[in-house]
């Protein structure tokens, strides 16, 4: 079994991408009114939260690589979820490629309000996963409050969806 921490980081991003895809798929069947639903303590509406997750991940890619994916639509035009999903897939591919190329110790130089912050890329990798979990939880909370089906997007859901990734190999114990 591989014990390379970078391989583990790649798996966390695969999980994040999978979980985003599950949430987007569950939301594809929602009405406009349901997409406009929110709950106390959540980020905002389901639609706004989906947009926020994807835009944040594109932003993180930009911090790591200097270039972020851009959608073929304008967010102000309220793209349908099929268009959003297409962009989310683009971001997911770029995120996976980025984590495979950028080592966790890579120094990120972020400038904000005239200040420069230097830190390891590992902080962004952690933020990607944490941010996604937080906001997918917002969405599943809203779905549950509406009495709608909630996709299983936790680690056990990932294991159940992709059991071959977690099979023990001969000689492992």
Protein backbone atom coordinates (compact mmCIF):
# COMPACT_ATOMS: atom_id res chain seq x y z
CA UNK A 1 0.00 0.00 0.00
CA UNK A 2 1.29 3.47 -0.86
CA UNK A 3 1.98 5.72 2.10
CA UNK A 4 3.08 8.78 0.15
CA UNK A 5 1.34 11.79 1.76
CA UNK A 6 0.96 13.42 -1.66
CA UNK A 7 -1.01 10.37 -2.82
CA UNK A 8 -3.28 10.80 0.20
CA UNK A 9 -3.78 14.47 -0.68
CA UNK A 10 -4.71 13.48 -4.22
CA UNK A 11 -7.31 11.07 -2.82
CA UNK A 12 -8.80 13.83 -0.67
CA UNK A 13 -9.21 15.98 -3.78
CA UNK A 14 -10.75 13.03 -5.64
CA UNK A 15 -13.18 12.71 -2.74
CA UNK A 16 -13.95 16.45 -2.84
CA UNK A 17 -14.58 16.34 -6.59
CA UNK A 18 -16.79 13.26 -6.24
CA UNK A 19 -18.80 14.84 -3.42
CA UNK A 20 -19.33 18.04 -5.43
CA UNK A 21 -20.54 15.97 -8.38
CA UNK A 22 -23.00 14.10 -6.11
CA UNK A 23 -24.43 17.35 -4.77
CA UNK A 24 -24.74 18.83 -8.25
CA UNK A 25 -26.46 15.68 -9.52
CA UNK A 26 -28.94 15.77 -6.62
CA UNK A 27 -29.69 19.42 -7.31
CA UNK A 28 -30.28 18.87 -11.06
CA UNK A 29 -33.86 17.79 -10.36
CA UNK A 30 -34.74 20.74 -8.13
CA UNK A 31 -37.19 23.42 -9.13
CA UNK A 32 -36.19 27.09 -9.28
CA UNK A 33 -38.02 27.61 -5.98
CA UNK A 34 -36.10 24.78 -4.32
CA UNK A 35 -32.78 26.11 -5.65
CA UNK A 36 -33.72 29.45 -4.08
CA UNK A 37 -34.22 27.82 -0.67
CA UNK A 38 -31.93 28.46 2.27
CA UNK A 39 -31.79 27.62 5.97
CA UNK A 40 -30.69 29.52 9.07
CA UNK A 41 -26.94 29.27 9.55
CA UNK A 42 -26.24 28.23 5.96
CA UNK A 43 -24.22 30.20 3.41
CA UNK A 44 -27.28 31.18 1.39
CA UNK A 45 -29.53 29.59 -1.19
CA UNK A 46 -28.71 26.24 -2.72
CA UNK A 47 -27.91 27.95 -6.03
CA UNK A 48 -25.67 30.57 -4.37
CA UNK A 49 -23.88 27.92 -2.32
CA UNK A 50 -23.16 25.76 -5.38
CA UNK A 51 -21.79 28.81 -7.16
CA UNK A 52 -19.69 29.73 -4.12
CA UNK A 53 -18.13 26.26 -3.85
CA UNK A 54 -17.13 26.19 -7.51
CA UNK A 55 -15.89 29.78 -7.67
CA UNK A 56 -13.82 29.28 -4.52
CA UNK A 57 -12.18 26.17 -5.95
CA UNK A 58 -11.35 28.04 -9.16
CA UNK A 59 -9.88 30.84 -7.00
CA UNK A 60 -7.74 28.33 -5.06
CA UNK A 61 -6.41 26.95 -8.34
CA UNK A 62 -5.50 30.51 -9.31
CA UNK A 63 -3.61 31.00 -6.05
CA UNK A 64 -1.64 27.81 -6.69
CA UNK A 65 -0.98 28.17 -10.42
CA UNK A 66 -1.47 31.83 -11.31
CA UNK A 67 -4.39 31.00 -13.62
CA UNK A 68 -7.92 30.02 -12.73
CA UNK A 69 -10.54 28.23 -14.82
CA UNK A 70 -13.21 30.50 -16.31
CA UNK A 71 -16.77 29.47 -17.16
CA UNK A 72 -18.21 29.86 -20.65
CA UNK A 73 -21.14 31.75 -19.14
CA UNK A 74 -21.69 34.77 -16.90
CA UNK A 75 -22.85 33.97 -13.38
CA UNK A 76 -25.16 37.01 -13.49
CA UNK A 77 -27.08 35.29 -16.31
CA UNK A 78 -28.16 32.55 -13.83
CA UNK A 79 -26.79 29.57 -15.81
CA UNK A 80 -28.74 26.35 -15.56
CA UNK A 81 -27.30 23.55 -13.46
CA UNK A 82 -26.14 21.61 -16.51
CA UNK A 83 -23.89 24.57 -17.42
CA UNK A 84 -22.76 24.90 -13.81
CA UNK A 85 -21.97 21.16 -13.71
CA UNK A 86 -19.92 21.43 -16.89
CA UNK A 87 -17.86 24.22 -15.32
CA UNK A 88 -17.60 22.29 -12.05
CA UNK A 89 -16.16 19.33 -14.00
CA UNK A 90 -13.62 21.67 -15.58
CA UNK A 91 -12.65 23.01 -12.15
CA UNK A 92 -12.48 19.48 -10.72
CA UNK A 93 -10.10 18.37 -13.47
CA UNK A 94 -7.93 21.44 -12.99
CA UNK A 95 -7.90 20.93 -9.23
CA UNK A 96 -6.84 17.30 -9.56
CA UNK A 97 -4.15 18.25 -12.06
CA UNK A 98 -2.95 21.04 -9.76
CA UNK A 99 -2.62 18.85 -6.69
CA UNK A 100 -0.67 16.28 -8.71
CA UNK A 101 1.78 18.97 -9.93
CA UNK A 102 2.11 21.32 -6.96
CA UNK A 103 3.89 19.84 -3.93
CA UNK A 104 2.39 20.55 -0.50
CA UNK A 105 5.50 22.55 0.45
CA UNK A 106 5.18 24.88 -2.56
CA UNK A 107 5.14 28.47 -1.32
CA UNK A 108 2.06 30.48 -2.26
CA UNK A 109 2.40 34.26 -2.43
CA UNK A 110 -1.01 35.81 -1.90
CA UNK A 111 -1.58 39.54 -2.09
CA UNK A 112 -4.60 41.14 -0.48
CA UNK A 113 -5.24 44.76 0.44
CA UNK A 114 -1.59 45.66 -0.15
CA UNK A 115 -0.31 42.86 2.08
CA UNK A 116 1.57 39.76 0.95
CA UNK A 117 1.04 36.44 2.67
CA UNK A 118 3.41 33.53 2.12
CA UNK A 119 2.39 30.02 3.13
CA UNK A 120 2.62 26.41 1.98
CA UNK A 121 0.22 25.08 -0.63
CA UNK A 122 -0.83 22.47 1.92
CA UNK A 123 -2.96 25.15 3.59
CA UNK A 124 -4.95 25.58 0.38
CA UNK A 125 -5.35 21.83 -0.06
CA UNK A 126 -6.79 21.63 3.46
CA UNK A 127 -9.05 24.62 2.75
CA UNK A 128 -10.40 23.05 -0.45
CA UNK A 129 -11.60 19.96 1.39
CA UNK A 130 -12.84 21.78 4.51
CA UNK A 131 -14.63 24.47 2.50
CA UNK A 132 -16.34 21.88 0.32
CA UNK A 133 -17.49 19.82 3.30
CA UNK A 134 -18.84 22.90 5.08
CA UNK A 135 -20.90 24.12 2.15
CA UNK A 136 -22.06 20.73 0.94
CA UNK A 137 -23.37 20.29 4.49
CA UNK A 138 -25.24 23.59 4.11
CA UNK A 139 -26.88 22.20 0.98
CA UNK A 140 -27.73 18.80 2.48
CA UNK A 141 -29.26 20.59 5.49
CA UNK A 142 -31.48 22.65 3.19
CA UNK A 143 -32.45 19.57 1.17
CA UNK A 144 -33.32 17.70 4.35
CA UNK A 145 -35.38 20.61 5.67
CA UNK A 146 -37.38 20.52 2.41
CA UNK A 147 -37.99 16.79 2.86
CA UNK A 148 -35.94 16.01 -0.24
CA UNK A 149 -33.47 13.14 -0.73
CA UNK A 150 -29.99 13.90 0.58
CA UNK A 151 -26.98 12.36 -1.15
CA UNK A 152 -24.49 10.54 1.05
CA UNK A 153 -21.38 12.65 0.49
CA UNK A 154 -19.33 11.70 3.53
CA UNK A 155 -16.35 9.36 3.56
CA UNK A 156 -18.57 6.31 3.95
CA UNK A 157 -20.60 7.39 0.93
CA UNK A 158 -17.35 7.66 -1.04
CA UNK A 159 -16.33 4.18 0.12
CA UNK A 160 -19.74 2.76 -0.84
CA UNK A 161 -19.67 4.43 -4.25
CA UNK A 162 -16.09 3.38 -5.07
CA UNK A 163 -15.37 0.17 -3.13
CA UNK A 164 -12.58 -0.91 -5.51
CA UNK A 165 -10.50 2.10 -4.40
CA UNK A 166 -10.52 0.75 -0.84
CA UNK A 167 -10.02 -2.99 -1.33
CA UNK A 168 -7.13 -4.49 0.55
CA UNK A 169 -4.36 -5.66 -1.71
CA UNK A 170 -2.68 -9.04 -1.30
CA UNK A 171 -0.08 -8.88 1.45
CA UNK A 172 -1.74 -5.96 3.29
CA UNK A 173 -2.98 -6.36 6.80
